[in-house]
Amino acid sequence: MSSEGEVGHPSRDRPTLPYAKAFVVHFSTETDARLEHVTGRVEHLQTGRRVAFASVVELLDSIVALLAEDRPEPTTSEGPRPRGNRGPRSKPAPGASAEPALP
């Protein structure tokens, strides 16, 4: 029996290049061919969110952040978790408190 064309197989039902993970990277005229000086903007196609970047590291960090925002929220038997303040997105500096300062 051939597995080609099987319906319901999880790895065959999902595209290998999903639209939810598609980006457009627009480099400025100042960007050089060796990517030693890089500036521009990255856009997440599914959400339309855009982030400017000024280095290759910022470009990659922006893509990571946009992908993380696109992850579905975990659900419980009561339904999806409410979207509220989820706290800091980065680790606090050594010796710094993870708790927000109160006014």
PDB file of N, CA and C in Angstrom:
ATOM      1  N   MET A   1       0.846  -1.173   0.000  1.00  0.00           N
ATOM      2  CA  MET A   1       0.000   0.000   0.000  1.00  0.00           C
ATOM      3  C   MET A   1       0.889   1.234   0.000  1.00  0.00           C
ATOM      4  N   SER A   2       0.587   2.220  -0.825  1.00  0.00           N
ATOM      5  CA  SER A   2       1.379   3.433  -0.948  1.00  0.00           C
ATOM      6  C   SER A   2       0.894   4.474   0.047  1.00  0.00           C
ATOM      7  N   SER A   3       1.849   5.182   0.656  1.00  0.00           N
ATOM      8  CA  SER A   3       1.476   6.231   1.596  1.00  0.00           C
ATOM      9  C   SER A   3       1.273   7.561   0.877  1.00  0.00           C
ATOM     10  N   GLU A   4       1.561   7.601  -0.414  1.00  0.00           N
ATOM     11  CA  GLU A   4       1.410   8.819  -1.181  1.00  0.00           C
ATOM     12  C   GLU A   4      -0.057   9.202  -1.258  1.00  0.00           C
ATOM     13  N   GLY A   5      -0.376  10.444  -0.920  1.00  0.00           N
ATOM     14  CA  GLY A   5      -1.738  10.922  -1.010  1.00  0.00           C
ATOM     15  C   GLY A   5      -2.607  10.530   0.170  1.00  0.00           C
ATOM     16  N   GLU A   6      -2.041   9.983   1.235  1.00  0.00           N
ATOM     17  CA  GLU A   6      -2.844   9.629   2.394  1.00  0.00           C
ATOM     18  C   GLU A   6      -3.452  10.878   2.996  1.00  0.00           C
ATOM     19  N   VAL A   7      -4.706  10.782   3.389  1.00  0.00           N
ATOM     20  CA  VAL A   7      -5.389  11.890   4.028  1.00  0.00           C
ATOM     21  C   VAL A   7      -5.299  11.684   5.532  1.00  0.00           C
ATOM     22  N   GLY A   8      -5.094  12.786   6.267  1.00  0.00           N
ATOM     23  CA  GLY A   8      -5.068  12.700   7.711  1.00  0.00           C
ATOM     24  C   GLY A   8      -3.691  12.494   8.301  1.00  0.00           C
ATOM     25  N   HIS A   9      -2.680  12.326   7.495  1.00  0.00           N
ATOM     26  CA  HIS A   9      -1.326  12.166   8.000  1.00  0.00           C
ATOM     27  C   HIS A   9      -0.822  13.543   8.400  1.00  0.00           C
ATOM     28  N   PRO A  10      -0.480  13.754   9.704  1.00  0.00           N
ATOM     29  CA  PRO A  10      -0.138  15.096  10.186  1.00  0.00           C
ATOM     30  C   PRO A  10       0.985  15.776   9.429  1.00  0.00           C
ATOM     31  N   SER A  11       2.040  15.069   9.079  1.00  0.00           N
ATOM     32  CA  SER A  11       3.151  15.730   8.398  1.00  0.00           C
ATOM     33  C   SER A  11       2.807  16.084   6.962  1.00  0.00           C
ATOM     34  N   ARG A  12       1.835  15.437   6.378  1.00  0.00           N
ATOM     35  CA  ARG A  12       1.440  15.751   5.007  1.00  0.00           C
ATOM     36  C   ARG A  12       0.352  16.818   4.956  1.00  0.00           C
ATOM     37  N   ASP A  13      -0.374  17.002   6.063  1.00  0.00           N
ATOM     38  CA  ASP A  13      -1.446  17.995   6.088  1.00  0.00           C
ATOM     39  C   ASP A  13      -0.922  19.415   6.278  1.00  0.00           C
ATOM     40  N   ARG A  14       0.269  19.540   6.856  1.00  0.00           N
ATOM     41  CA  ARG A  14       0.838  20.864   7.106  1.00  0.00           C
ATOM     42  C   ARG A  14       1.876  21.186   6.033  1.00  0.00           C
ATOM     43  N   PRO A  15       1.847  22.427   5.531  1.00  0.00           N
ATOM     44  CA  PRO A  15       2.868  22.793   4.552  1.00  0.00           C
ATOM     45  C   PRO A  15       4.235  22.885   5.218  1.00  0.00           C
ATOM     46  N   THR A  16       5.271  22.570   4.479  1.00  0.00           N
ATOM     47  CA  THR A  16       6.619  22.654   5.033  1.00  0.00           C
ATOM     48  C   THR A  16       7.093  24.104   5.119  1.00  0.00           C
ATOM     49  N   LEU A  17       6.495  24.984   4.337  1.00  0.00           N
ATOM     50  CA  LEU A  17       6.813  26.406   4.380  1.00  0.00           C
ATOM     51  C   LEU A  17       5.516  27.184   4.657  1.00  0.00           C
ATOM     52  N   PRO A  18       5.053  27.184   5.917  1.00  0.00           N
ATOM     53  CA  PRO A  18       3.761  27.807   6.216  1.00  0.00           C
ATOM     54  C   PRO A  18       3.798  29.330   6.098  1.00  0.00           C
ATOM     55  N   TYR A  19       2.702  29.892   5.665  1.00  0.00           N
ATOM     56  CA  TYR A  19       2.552  31.336   5.504  1.00  0.00           C
ATOM     57  C   TYR A  19       2.759  32.065   6.832  1.00  0.00           C
ATOM     58  N   ALA A  20       2.408  31.436   7.933  1.00  0.00           N
ATOM     59  CA  ALA A  20       2.560  32.054   9.254  1.00  0.00           C
ATOM     60  C   ALA A  20       4.024  32.308   9.605  1.00  0.00           C
ATOM     61  N   LYS A  21       4.938  31.700   8.867  1.00  0.00           N
ATOM     62  CA  LYS A  21       6.365  31.896   9.120  1.00  0.00           C
ATOM     63  C   LYS A  21       7.052  32.579   7.946  1.00  0.00           C
ATOM     64  N   ALA A  22       6.287  33.331   7.160  1.00  0.00           N
ATOM     65  CA  ALA A  22       6.831  34.021   5.987  1.00  0.00           C
ATOM     66  C   ALA A  22       7.125  35.487   6.315  1.00  0.00           C
ATOM     67  N   PHE A  23       8.270  35.960   5.841  1.00  0.00           N
ATOM     68  CA  PHE A  23       8.707  37.325   6.097  1.00  0.00           C
ATOM     69  C   PHE A  23       9.205  37.960   4.805  1.00  0.00           C
ATOM     70  N   VAL A  24       9.120  39.289   4.762  1.00  0.00           N
ATOM     71  CA  VAL A  24       9.775  40.068   3.715  1.00  0.00           C
ATOM     72  C   VAL A  24      10.836  40.885   4.417  1.00  0.00           C
ATOM     73  N   VAL A  25      12.064  40.825   3.907  1.00  0.00           N
ATOM     74  CA  VAL A  25      13.160  41.622   4.451  1.00  0.00           C
ATOM     75  C   VAL A  25      13.502  42.664   3.399  1.00  0.00           C
ATOM     76  N   HIS A  26      13.419  43.935   3.793  1.00  0.00           N
ATOM     77  CA  HIS A  26      13.690  45.042   2.887  1.00  0.00           C
ATOM     78  C   HIS A  26      14.943  45.751   3.396  1.00  0.00           C
ATOM     79  N   PHE A  27      16.028  45.647   2.637  1.00  0.00           N
ATOM     80  CA  PHE A  27      17.292  46.263   3.020  1.00  0.00           C
ATOM     81  C   PHE A  27      17.359  47.687   2.457  1.00  0.00           C
ATOM     82  N   SER A  28      17.945  48.598   3.240  1.00  0.00           N
ATOM     83  CA  SER A  28      18.114  49.985   2.795  1.00  0.00           C
ATOM     84  C   SER A  28      19.268  50.087   1.796  1.00  0.00           C
ATOM     85  N   THR A  29      19.370  51.240   1.171  1.00  0.00           N
ATOM     86  CA  THR A  29      20.455  51.454   0.207  1.00  0.00           C
ATOM     87  C   THR A  29      21.820  51.466   0.883  1.00  0.00           C
ATOM     88  N   GLU A  30      21.875  51.721   2.198  1.00  0.00           N
ATOM     89  CA  GLU A  30      23.137  51.745   2.933  1.00  0.00           C
ATOM     90  C   GLU A  30      23.684  50.346   3.217  1.00  0.00           C
ATOM     91  N   THR A  31      22.880  49.305   3.027  1.00  0.00           N
ATOM     92  CA  THR A  31      23.311  47.934   3.302  1.00  0.00           C
ATOM     93  C   THR A  31      24.346  47.510   2.267  1.00  0.00           C
ATOM     94  N   ASP A  32      25.482  46.999   2.754  1.00  0.00           N
ATOM     95  CA  ASP A  32      26.513  46.553   1.815  1.00  0.00           C
ATOM     96  C   ASP A  32      26.369  45.052   1.530  1.00  0.00           C
ATOM     97  N   ALA A  33      26.986  44.624   0.449  1.00  0.00           N
ATOM     98  CA  ALA A  33      26.842  43.247  -0.027  1.00  0.00           C
ATOM     99  C   ALA A  33      27.398  42.209   0.952  1.00  0.00           C
ATOM    100  N   ARG A  34      28.350  42.582   1.780  1.00  0.00           N
ATOM    101  CA  ARG A  34      28.934  41.635   2.744  1.00  0.00           C
ATOM    102  C   ARG A  34      28.154  41.621   4.064  1.00  0.00           C
ATOM    103  N   LEU A  35      27.109  42.435   4.150  1.00  0.00           N
ATOM    104  CA  LEU A  35      26.262  42.554   5.337  1.00  0.00           C
ATOM    105  C   LEU A  35      27.045  42.982   6.575  1.00  0.00           C
ATOM    106  N   GLU A  36      28.106  43.755   6.360  1.00  0.00           N
ATOM    107  CA  GLU A  36      28.848  44.321   7.489  1.00  0.00           C
ATOM    108  C   GLU A  36      28.117  45.532   8.040  1.00  0.00           C
ATOM    109  N   HIS A  37      27.419  46.256   7.183  1.00  0.00           N
ATOM    110  CA  HIS A  37      26.558  47.368   7.592  1.00  0.00           C
ATOM    111  C   HIS A  37      25.171  47.063   7.039  1.00  0.00           C
ATOM    112  N   VAL A  38      24.221  46.845   7.926  1.00  0.00           N
ATOM    113  CA  VAL A  38      22.881  46.403   7.520  1.00  0.00           C
ATOM    114  C   VAL A  38      21.835  47.269   8.202  1.00  0.00           C
ATOM    115  N   THR A  39      20.919  47.806   7.416  1.00  0.00           N
ATOM    116  CA  THR A  39      19.741  48.469   7.958  1.00  0.00           C
ATOM    117  C   THR A  39      18.561  48.133   7.066  1.00  0.00           C
ATOM    118  N   GLY A  40      17.367  48.231   7.630  1.00  0.00           N
ATOM    119  CA  GLY A  40      16.171  47.973   6.842  1.00  0.00           C
ATOM    120  C   GLY A  40      14.979  47.664   7.708  1.00  0.00           C
ATOM    121  N   ARG A  41      14.079  46.870   7.156  1.00  0.00           N
ATOM    122  CA  ARG A  41      12.834  46.537   7.831  1.00  0.00           C
ATOM    123  C   ARG A  41      12.441  45.106   7.492  1.00  0.00           C
ATOM    124  N   VAL A  42      11.886  44.401   8.475  1.00  0.00           N
ATOM    125  CA  VAL A  42      11.367  43.060   8.253  1.00  0.00           C
ATOM    126  C   VAL A  42       9.875  43.100   8.530  1.00  0.00           C
ATOM    127  N   GLU A  43       9.096  42.431   7.675  1.00  0.00           N
ATOM    128  CA  GLU A  43       7.647  42.398   7.825  1.00  0.00           C
ATOM    129  C   GLU A  43       7.170  40.953   7.895  1.00  0.00           C
ATOM    130  N   HIS A  44       6.350  40.666   8.897  1.00  0.00           N
ATOM    131  CA  HIS A  44       5.723  39.356   9.036  1.00  0.00           C
ATOM    132  C   HIS A  44       4.487  39.372   8.144  1.00  0.00           C
ATOM    133  N   LEU A  45       4.463  38.540   7.124  1.00  0.00           N
ATOM    134  CA  LEU A  45       3.404  38.607   6.123  1.00  0.00           C
ATOM    135  C   LEU A  45       2.019  38.303   6.687  1.00  0.00           C
ATOM    136  N   GLN A  46       1.921  37.364   7.598  1.00  0.00           N
ATOM    137  CA  GLN A  46       0.604  36.996   8.117  1.00  0.00           C
ATOM    138  C   GLN A  46      -0.033  38.116   8.929  1.00  0.00           C
ATOM    139  N   THR A  47       0.744  38.790   9.777  1.00  0.00           N
ATOM    140  CA  THR A  47       0.186  39.814  10.652  1.00  0.00           C
ATOM    141  C   THR A  47       0.369  41.230  10.126  1.00  0.00           C
ATOM    142  N   GLY A  48       1.326  41.419   9.219  1.00  0.00           N
ATOM    143  CA  GLY A  48       1.618  42.756   8.720  1.00  0.00           C
ATOM    144  C   GLY A  48       2.493  43.569   9.658  1.00  0.00           C
ATOM    145  N   ARG A  49       2.909  42.983  10.765  1.00  0.00           N
ATOM    146  CA  ARG A  49       3.776  43.693  11.715  1.00  0.00           C
ATOM    147  C   ARG A  49       5.126  43.944  11.078  1.00  0.00           C
ATOM    148  N   ARG A  50       5.666  45.144  11.310  1.00  0.00           N
ATOM    149  CA  ARG A  50       6.950  45.535  10.733  1.00  0.00           C
ATOM    150  C   ARG A  50       7.881  45.992  11.840  1.00  0.00           C
ATOM    151  N   VAL A  51       9.150  45.646  11.694  1.00  0.00           N
ATOM    152  CA  VAL A  51      10.162  46.034  12.667  1.00  0.00           C
ATOM    153  C   VAL A  51      11.399  46.508  11.903  1.00  0.00           C
ATOM    154  N   ALA A  52      11.909  47.665  12.288  1.00  0.00           N
ATOM    155  CA  ALA A  52      13.140  48.171  11.692  1.00  0.00           C
ATOM    156  C   ALA A  52      14.332  47.498  12.366  1.00  0.00           C
ATOM    157  N   PHE A  53      15.431  47.369  11.631  1.00  0.00           N
ATOM    158  CA  PHE A  53      16.643  46.788  12.195  1.00  0.00           C
ATOM    159  C   PHE A  53      17.853  47.569  11.700  1.00  0.00           C
ATOM    160  N   ALA A  54      18.939  47.525  12.491  1.00  0.00           N
ATOM    161  CA  ALA A  54      20.156  48.251  12.155  1.00  0.00           C
ATOM    162  C   ALA A  54      21.383  47.351  12.193  1.00  0.00           C
ATOM    163  N   SER A  55      21.162  46.034  12.239  1.00  0.00           N
ATOM    164  CA  SER A  55      22.273  45.077  12.204  1.00  0.00           C
ATOM    165  C   SER A  55      21.689  43.699  11.896  1.00  0.00           C
ATOM    166  N   VAL A  56      22.558  42.776  11.532  1.00  0.00           N
ATOM    167  CA  VAL A  56      22.107  41.404  11.281  1.00  0.00           C
ATOM    168  C   VAL A  56      21.536  40.803  12.564  1.00  0.00           C
ATOM    169  N   VAL A  57      22.155  41.115  13.693  1.00  0.00           N
ATOM    170  CA  VAL A  57      21.665  40.597  14.977  1.00  0.00           C
ATOM    171  C   VAL A  57      20.264  41.128  15.256  1.00  0.00           C
ATOM    172  N   GLU A  58      20.030  42.428  15.025  1.00  0.00           N
ATOM    173  CA  GLU A  58      18.695  42.991  15.226  1.00  0.00           C
ATOM    174  C   GLU A  58      17.677  42.369  14.263  1.00  0.00           C
ATOM    175  N   LEU A  59      18.090  42.093  13.038  1.00  0.00           N
ATOM    176  CA  LEU A  59      17.201  41.436  12.070  1.00  0.00           C
ATOM    177  C   LEU A  59      16.761  40.079  12.607  1.00  0.00           C
ATOM    178  N   LEU A  60      17.718  39.269  13.046  1.00  0.00           N
ATOM    179  CA  LEU A  60      17.384  37.940  13.564  1.00  0.00           C
ATOM    180  C   LEU A  60      16.564  38.030  14.850  1.00  0.00           C
ATOM    181  N   ASP A  61      16.909  38.963  15.738  1.00  0.00           N
ATOM    182  CA  ASP A  61      16.125  39.150  16.963  1.00  0.00           C
ATOM    183  C   ASP A  61      14.687  39.542  16.640  1.00  0.00           C
ATOM    184  N   SER A  62      14.507  40.379  15.623  1.00  0.00           N
ATOM    185  CA  SER A  62      13.169  40.810  15.217  1.00  0.00           C
ATOM    186  C   SER A  62      12.350  39.636  14.709  1.00  0.00           C
ATOM    187  N   ILE A  63      12.966  38.781  13.903  1.00  0.00           N
ATOM    188  CA  ILE A  63      12.261  37.609  13.387  1.00  0.00           C
ATOM    189  C   ILE A  63      11.873  36.681  14.532  1.00  0.00           C
ATOM    190  N   VAL A  64      12.787  36.462  15.467  1.00  0.00           N
ATOM    191  CA  VAL A  64      12.490  35.617  16.632  1.00  0.00           C
ATOM    192  C   VAL A  64      11.302  36.192  17.409  1.00  0.00           C
ATOM    193  N   ALA A  65      11.315  37.509  17.645  1.00  0.00           N
ATOM    194  CA  ALA A  65      10.229  38.138  18.399  1.00  0.00           C
ATOM    195  C   ALA A  65       8.899  38.030  17.658  1.00  0.00           C
ATOM    196  N   LEU A  66       8.913  38.252  16.344  1.00  0.00           N
ATOM    197  CA  LEU A  66       7.677  38.163  15.568  1.00  0.00           C
ATOM    198  C   LEU A  66       7.135  36.738  15.542  1.00  0.00           C
ATOM    199  N   LEU A  67       8.010  35.754  15.448  1.00  0.00           N
ATOM    200  CA  LEU A  67       7.563  34.357  15.498  1.00  0.00           C
ATOM    201  C   LEU A  67       6.996  34.012  16.871  1.00  0.00           C
ATOM    202  N   ALA A  68       7.617  34.523  17.929  1.00  0.00           N
ATOM    203  CA  ALA A  68       7.141  34.245  19.288  1.00  0.00           C
ATOM    204  C   ALA A  68       5.763  34.854  19.511  1.00  0.00           C
ATOM    205  N   GLU A  69       5.506  36.036  18.955  1.00  0.00           N
ATOM    206  CA  GLU A  69       4.197  36.679  19.085  1.00  0.00           C
ATOM    207  C   GLU A  69       3.120  35.898  18.359  1.00  0.00           C
ATOM    208  N   ASP A  70       3.507  35.165  17.328  1.00  0.00           N
ATOM    209  CA  ASP A  70       2.549  34.429  16.509  1.00  0.00           C
ATOM    210  C   ASP A  70       2.170  33.076  17.101  1.00  0.00           C
ATOM    211  N   ARG A  71       2.900  32.615  18.142  1.00  0.00           N
ATOM    212  CA  ARG A  71       2.596  31.310  18.732  1.00  0.00           C
ATOM    213  C   ARG A  71       1.218  31.327  19.356  1.00  0.00           C
ATOM    214  N   PRO A  72       0.444  30.258  19.185  1.00  0.00           N
ATOM    215  CA  PRO A  72      -0.867  30.206  19.828  1.00  0.00           C
ATOM    216  C   PRO A  72      -0.715  30.130  21.339  1.00  0.00           C
ATOM    217  N   GLU A  73      -1.660  30.747  22.034  1.00  0.00           N
ATOM    218  CA  GLU A  73      -1.663  30.717  23.491  1.00  0.00           C
ATOM    219  C   GLU A  73      -2.049  29.327  23.968  1.00  0.00           C
ATOM    220  N   PRO A  74      -1.427  28.853  25.055  1.00  0.00           N
ATOM    221  CA  PRO A  74      -1.850  27.569  25.622  1.00  0.00           C
ATOM    222  C   PRO A  74      -3.294  27.668  26.097  1.00  0.00           C
ATOM    223  N   THR A  75      -4.023  26.578  25.987  1.00  0.00           N
ATOM    224  CA  THR A  75      -5.411  26.590  26.429  1.00  0.00           C
ATOM    225  C   THR A  75      -5.581  25.656  27.615  1.00  0.00           C
ATOM    226  N   THR A  76      -6.625  25.935  28.367  1.00  0.00           N
ATOM    227  CA  THR A  76      -6.988  25.076  29.489  1.00  0.00           C
ATOM    228  C   THR A  76      -8.417  24.637  29.264  1.00  0.00           C
ATOM    229  N   SER A  77      -8.961  23.887  30.186  1.00  0.00           N
ATOM    230  CA  SER A  77     -10.344  23.448  30.037  1.00  0.00           C
ATOM    231  C   SER A  77     -11.297  24.638  30.088  1.00  0.00           C
ATOM    232  N   GLU A  78     -10.841  25.768  30.665  1.00  0.00           N
ATOM    233  CA  GLU A  78     -11.681  26.967  30.724  1.00  0.00           C
ATOM    234  C   GLU A  78     -11.567  27.794  29.450  1.00  0.00           C
ATOM    235  N   GLY A  79     -10.693  27.429  28.539  1.00  0.00           N
ATOM    236  CA  GLY A  79     -10.523  28.181  27.302  1.00  0.00           C
ATOM    237  C   GLY A  79      -9.156  28.834  27.259  1.00  0.00           C
ATOM    238  N   PRO A  80      -8.934  29.714  26.279  1.00  0.00           N
ATOM    239  CA  PRO A  80      -7.627  30.340  26.136  1.00  0.00           C
ATOM    240  C   PRO A  80      -7.309  31.254  27.321  1.00  0.00           C
ATOM    241  N   ARG A  81      -6.020  31.394  27.590  1.00  0.00           N
ATOM    242  CA  ARG A  81      -5.593  32.306  28.647  1.00  0.00           C
ATOM    243  C   ARG A  81      -5.827  33.731  28.197  1.00  0.00           C
ATOM    244  N   PRO A  82      -6.222  34.605  29.120  1.00  0.00           N
ATOM    245  CA  PRO A  82      -6.423  36.007  28.724  1.00  0.00           C
ATOM    246  C   PRO A  82      -5.105  36.644  28.351  1.00  0.00           C
ATOM    247  N   ARG A  83      -5.147  37.532  27.365  1.00  0.00           N
ATOM    248  CA  ARG A  83      -3.944  38.251  26.959  1.00  0.00           C
ATOM    249  C   ARG A  83      -3.816  39.470  27.847  1.00  0.00           C
ATOM    250  N   GLY A  84      -2.884  39.463  28.705  1.00  0.00           N
ATOM    251  CA  GLY A  84      -2.649  40.605  29.581  1.00  0.00           C
ATOM    252  C   GLY A  84      -1.178  40.888  29.622  1.00  0.00           C
ATOM    253  N   ASN A  85      -0.764  41.570  30.650  1.00  0.00           N
ATOM    254  CA  ASN A  85       0.643  41.848  30.820  1.00  0.00           C
ATOM    255  C   ASN A  85       1.342  40.546  31.175  1.00  0.00           C
ATOM    256  N   ARG A  86       2.218  40.102  30.304  1.00  0.00           N
ATOM    257  CA  ARG A  86       2.918  38.841  30.521  1.00  0.00           C
ATOM    258  C   ARG A  86       4.270  39.058  31.187  1.00  0.00           C
ATOM    259  N   GLY A  87       4.552  40.275  31.593  1.00  0.00           N
ATOM    260  CA  GLY A  87       5.822  40.538  32.256  1.00  0.00           C
ATOM    261  C   GLY A  87       6.908  40.825  31.246  1.00  0.00           C
ATOM    262  N   PRO A  88       8.141  40.924  31.745  1.00  0.00           N
ATOM    263  CA  PRO A  88       9.247  41.269  30.851  1.00  0.00           C
ATOM    264  C   PRO A  88       9.514  40.170  29.839  1.00  0.00           C
ATOM    265  N   ARG A  89       9.921  40.568  28.635  1.00  0.00           N
ATOM    266  CA  ARG A  89      10.213  39.607  27.578  1.00  0.00           C
ATOM    267  C   ARG A  89      11.659  39.144  27.631  1.00  0.00           C
ATOM    268  N   SER A  90      12.492  39.843  28.364  1.00  0.00           N
ATOM    269  CA  SER A  90      13.883  39.434  28.429  1.00  0.00           C
ATOM    270  C   SER A  90      14.256  39.156  29.872  1.00  0.00           C
ATOM    271  N   LYS A  91      15.371  38.465  30.035  1.00  0.00           N
ATOM    272  CA  LYS A  91      15.835  38.144  31.376  1.00  0.00           C
ATOM    273  C   LYS A  91      16.348  39.411  32.043  1.00  0.00           C
ATOM    274  N   PRO A  92      16.088  39.569  33.346  1.00  0.00           N
ATOM    275  CA  PRO A  92      16.631  40.737  34.040  1.00  0.00           C
ATOM    276  C   PRO A  92      18.151  40.634  34.149  1.00  0.00           C
ATOM    277  N   ALA A  93      18.780  41.789  34.273  1.00  0.00           N
ATOM    278  CA  ALA A  93      20.232  41.838  34.430  1.00  0.00           C
ATOM    279  C   ALA A  93      20.604  41.160  35.746  1.00  0.00           C
ATOM    280  N   PRO A  94      21.800  40.568  35.834  1.00  0.00           N
ATOM    281  CA  PRO A  94      22.211  39.929  37.079  1.00  0.00           C
ATOM    282  C   PRO A  94      22.115  40.909  38.240  1.00  0.00           C
ATOM    283  N   GLY A  95      21.513  40.467  39.323  1.00  0.00           N
ATOM    284  CA  GLY A  95      21.340  41.292  40.505  1.00  0.00           C
ATOM    285  C   GLY A  95      20.101  42.166  40.461  1.00  0.00           C
ATOM    286  N   ALA A  96      19.423  42.239  39.297  1.00  0.00           N
ATOM    287  CA  ALA A  96      18.220  43.061  39.193  1.00  0.00           C
ATOM    288  C   ALA A  96      17.015  42.238  39.585  1.00  0.00           C
ATOM    289  N   SER A  97      16.011  42.903  40.090  1.00  0.00           N
ATOM    290  CA  SER A  97      14.779  42.227  40.498  1.00  0.00           C
ATOM    291  C   SER A  97      13.921  41.955  39.279  1.00  0.00           C
ATOM    292  N   ALA A  98      13.292  40.799  39.232  1.00  0.00           N
ATOM    293  CA  ALA A  98      12.396  40.456  38.137  1.00  0.00           C
ATOM    294  C   ALA A  98      11.028  41.088  38.358  1.00  0.00           C
ATOM    295  N   GLU A  99      10.756  41.564  39.574  1.00  0.00           N
ATOM    296  CA  GLU A  99       9.481  42.185  39.892  1.00  0.00           C
ATOM    297  C   GLU A  99       9.455  43.619  39.385  1.00  0.00           C
ATOM    298  N   PRO A 100       8.316  44.058  38.818  1.00  0.00           N
ATOM    299  CA  PRO A 100       8.232  45.453  38.364  1.00  0.00           C
ATOM    300  C   PRO A 100       8.199  46.397  39.557  1.00  0.00           C
ATOM    301  N   ALA A 101       8.757  47.582  39.378  1.00  0.00           N
ATOM    302  CA  ALA A 101       8.758  48.574  40.438  1.00  0.00           C
ATOM    303  C   ALA A 101       7.342  49.129  40.604  1.00  0.00           C
ATOM    304  N   LEU A 102       6.919  49.299  41.834  1.00  0.00           N
ATOM    305  CA  LEU A 102       5.608  49.859  42.117  1.00  0.00           C
ATOM    306  C   LEU A 102       5.717  51.367  42.209  1.00  0.00           C
ATOM    307  N   PRO A 103       4.674  52.091  41.740  1.00  0.00           N
ATOM    308  CA  PRO A 103       4.721  53.563  41.781  1.00  0.00           C
ATOM    309  C   PRO A 103       4.651  54.106  43.176  1.00  0.00           C
TER     310      PRO A 103
END
